[in-house]
Amino acid sequence: MRHSFDTIKVRLQTSPPDRFKGPLDCLLKTLRNEGFRGVYKGATPPLVGWMFMDSVWVDLDLYLQWHMLMGFQDAGFPLQLPRAPQNARVPRQ
């Protein structure tokens, strides 16, 4: 949905000032002349980028969740997380 707004915005910015009266006029003329697909021209490259980025984020999220559940030492992670002694008191403010 967001890409259609971007298409209209770019057409308004790059066209001569007398071509469209405003965003609604631009949308209606685009739909009339090019159909519904005209509003989504150029949507494929951002879609491919979003798919790649989302797959990386999902993999990273699952990887970090697994390490947090299993513990960093169990997975051979070199980081030693500090632990408070069992008899430590929490300071009150």
C-alpha atoms as a PDB file:
ATOM      1  CA  MET A   1       0.000   0.000   0.000  1.00  0.00           C
ATOM      2  CA  ARG A   2       2.787   2.424   0.898  1.00  0.00           C
ATOM      3  CA  HIS A   3       4.442   2.081  -2.497  1.00  0.00           C
ATOM      4  CA  SER A   4       1.385   3.483  -4.271  1.00  0.00           C
ATOM      5  CA  PHE A   5       1.661   6.715  -2.243  1.00  0.00           C
ATOM      6  CA  ASP A   6       5.347   6.916  -3.112  1.00  0.00           C
ATOM      7  CA  THR A   7       4.589   6.477  -6.824  1.00  0.00           C
ATOM      8  CA  ILE A   8       2.068   9.326  -6.754  1.00  0.00           C
ATOM      9  CA  LYS A   9       4.487  11.544  -4.789  1.00  0.00           C
ATOM     10  CA  VAL A  10       7.324  10.933  -7.256  1.00  0.00           C
ATOM     11  CA  ARG A  11       5.064  11.620 -10.233  1.00  0.00           C
ATOM     12  CA  LEU A  12       3.972  14.898  -8.695  1.00  0.00           C
ATOM     13  CA  GLN A  13       7.578  15.884  -7.985  1.00  0.00           C
ATOM     14  CA  THR A  14       8.963  14.984 -11.412  1.00  0.00           C
ATOM     15  CA  SER A  15       6.153  16.117 -13.705  1.00  0.00           C
ATOM     16  CA  PRO A  16       5.620  19.653 -15.011  1.00  0.00           C
ATOM     17  CA  PRO A  17       3.570  21.820 -12.618  1.00  0.00           C
ATOM     18  CA  ASP A  18       0.551  22.040 -14.944  1.00  0.00           C
ATOM     19  CA  ARG A  19       0.199  18.271 -15.521  1.00  0.00           C
ATOM     20  CA  PHE A  20      -1.675  17.393 -12.306  1.00  0.00           C
ATOM     21  CA  LYS A  21      -3.895  19.519 -10.063  1.00  0.00           C
ATOM     22  CA  GLY A  22      -2.964  17.533  -6.945  1.00  0.00           C
ATOM     23  CA  PRO A  23      -2.409  14.044  -5.524  1.00  0.00           C
ATOM     24  CA  LEU A  24      -5.978  12.868  -6.148  1.00  0.00           C
ATOM     25  CA  ASP A  25      -5.898  14.089  -9.747  1.00  0.00           C
ATOM     26  CA  CYS A  26      -2.552  12.312 -10.236  1.00  0.00           C
ATOM     27  CA  LEU A  27      -3.982   9.078  -8.815  1.00  0.00           C
ATOM     28  CA  LEU A  28      -7.120   9.237 -10.954  1.00  0.00           C
ATOM     29  CA  LYS A  29      -5.202  10.018 -14.163  1.00  0.00           C
ATOM     30  CA  THR A  30      -2.720   7.221 -13.440  1.00  0.00           C
ATOM     31  CA  LEU A  31      -5.540   4.739 -12.852  1.00  0.00           C
ATOM     32  CA  ARG A  32      -7.380   5.898 -15.968  1.00  0.00           C
ATOM     33  CA  ASN A  33      -4.333   5.824 -18.283  1.00  0.00           C
ATOM     34  CA  GLU A  34      -2.300   2.900 -16.904  1.00  0.00           C
ATOM     35  CA  GLY A  35      -4.717   0.911 -14.760  1.00  0.00           C
ATOM     36  CA  PHE A  36      -4.169  -0.455 -11.287  1.00  0.00           C
ATOM     37  CA  ARG A  37      -0.704  -1.793 -12.165  1.00  0.00           C
ATOM     38  CA  GLY A  38       0.481   1.723 -13.032  1.00  0.00           C
ATOM     39  CA  VAL A  39       0.245   2.743  -9.388  1.00  0.00           C
ATOM     40  CA  TYR A  40       2.621  -0.072  -8.403  1.00  0.00           C
ATOM     41  CA  LYS A  41       5.243   0.436 -11.111  1.00  0.00           C
ATOM     42  CA  GLY A  42       8.713  -0.158  -9.729  1.00  0.00           C
ATOM     43  CA  ALA A  43       7.528  -2.095  -6.676  1.00  0.00           C
ATOM     44  CA  THR A  44       9.571  -5.220  -7.439  1.00  0.00           C
ATOM     45  CA  PRO A  45      13.067  -4.024  -6.383  1.00  0.00           C
ATOM     46  CA  PRO A  46      11.926  -2.765  -2.944  1.00  0.00           C
ATOM     47  CA  LEU A  47       9.892  -5.946  -2.453  1.00  0.00           C
ATOM     48  CA  VAL A  48      12.933  -8.131  -3.116  1.00  0.00           C
ATOM     49  CA  GLY A  49      14.988  -5.990  -0.729  1.00  0.00           C
ATOM     50  CA  TRP A  50      12.330  -6.249   1.999  1.00  0.00           C
ATOM     51  CA  MET A  51      12.169 -10.039   1.569  1.00  0.00           C
ATOM     52  CA  PHE A  52      15.947 -10.338   1.940  1.00  0.00           C
ATOM     53  CA  MET A  53      16.042  -8.001   4.945  1.00  0.00           C
ATOM     54  CA  ASP A  54      13.153  -9.769   6.682  1.00  0.00           C
ATOM     55  CA  SER A  55      14.745 -13.183   6.171  1.00  0.00           C
ATOM     56  CA  VAL A  56      17.981 -11.937   7.758  1.00  0.00           C
ATOM     57  CA  TRP A  57      16.096 -10.440  10.706  1.00  0.00           C
ATOM     58  CA  VAL A  58      14.080 -13.620  11.289  1.00  0.00           C
ATOM     59  CA  ASP A  59      17.223 -15.768  11.195  1.00  0.00           C
ATOM     60  CA  LEU A  60      19.039 -13.420  13.553  1.00  0.00           C
ATOM     61  CA  ASP A  61      16.080 -13.322  15.924  1.00  0.00           C
ATOM     62  CA  LEU A  62      15.828 -17.125  16.049  1.00  0.00           C
ATOM     63  CA  TYR A  63      19.598 -17.429  16.550  1.00  0.00           C
ATOM     64  CA  LEU A  64      19.598 -14.991  19.467  1.00  0.00           C
ATOM     65  CA  GLN A  65      16.511 -16.541  21.054  1.00  0.00           C
ATOM     66  CA  TRP A  66      18.128 -19.969  20.931  1.00  0.00           C
ATOM     67  CA  HIS A  67      21.322 -18.662  22.553  1.00  0.00           C
ATOM     68  CA  MET A  68      19.386 -16.870  25.273  1.00  0.00           C
ATOM     69  CA  LEU A  69      17.321 -19.956  26.055  1.00  0.00           C
ATOM     70  CA  MET A  70      20.217 -22.402  25.975  1.00  0.00           C
ATOM     71  CA  GLY A  71      22.744 -20.113  27.611  1.00  0.00           C
ATOM     72  CA  PHE A  72      25.780 -18.604  25.993  1.00  0.00           C
ATOM     73  CA  GLN A  73      28.286 -21.054  27.553  1.00  0.00           C
ATOM     74  CA  ASP A  74      26.398 -24.143  26.317  1.00  0.00           C
ATOM     75  CA  ALA A  75      26.801 -22.997  22.733  1.00  0.00           C
ATOM     76  CA  GLY A  76      30.534 -22.360  23.079  1.00  0.00           C
ATOM     77  CA  PHE A  77      30.103 -18.614  23.039  1.00  0.00           C
ATOM     78  CA  PRO A  78      33.274 -16.997  24.464  1.00  0.00           C
ATOM     79  CA  LEU A  79      31.492 -14.263  26.401  1.00  0.00           C
ATOM     80  CA  GLN A  80      31.272 -14.773  30.154  1.00  0.00           C
ATOM     81  CA  LEU A  81      28.162 -13.111  31.497  1.00  0.00           C
ATOM     82  CA  PRO A  82      28.611 -11.680  35.010  1.00  0.00           C
ATOM     83  CA  ARG A  83      26.394 -13.197  37.676  1.00  0.00           C
ATOM     84  CA  ALA A  84      25.533 -11.680  41.022  1.00  0.00           C
ATOM     85  CA  PRO A  85      26.316 -13.771  44.099  1.00  0.00           C
ATOM     86  CA  GLN A  86      23.288 -15.529  45.557  1.00  0.00           C
ATOM     87  CA  ASN A  87      23.562 -13.608  48.828  1.00  0.00           C
ATOM     88  CA  ALA A  88      23.868 -10.185  47.129  1.00  0.00           C
ATOM     89  CA  ARG A  89      21.543  -7.446  48.280  1.00  0.00           C
ATOM     90  CA  VAL A  90      19.869  -5.062  45.908  1.00  0.00           C
ATOM     91  CA  PRO A  91      20.437  -1.450  47.041  1.00  0.00           C
ATOM     92  CA  ARG A  92      17.260   0.477  47.785  1.00  0.00           C
ATOM     93  CA  GLN A  93      16.824   4.037  46.670  1.00  0.00           C
END
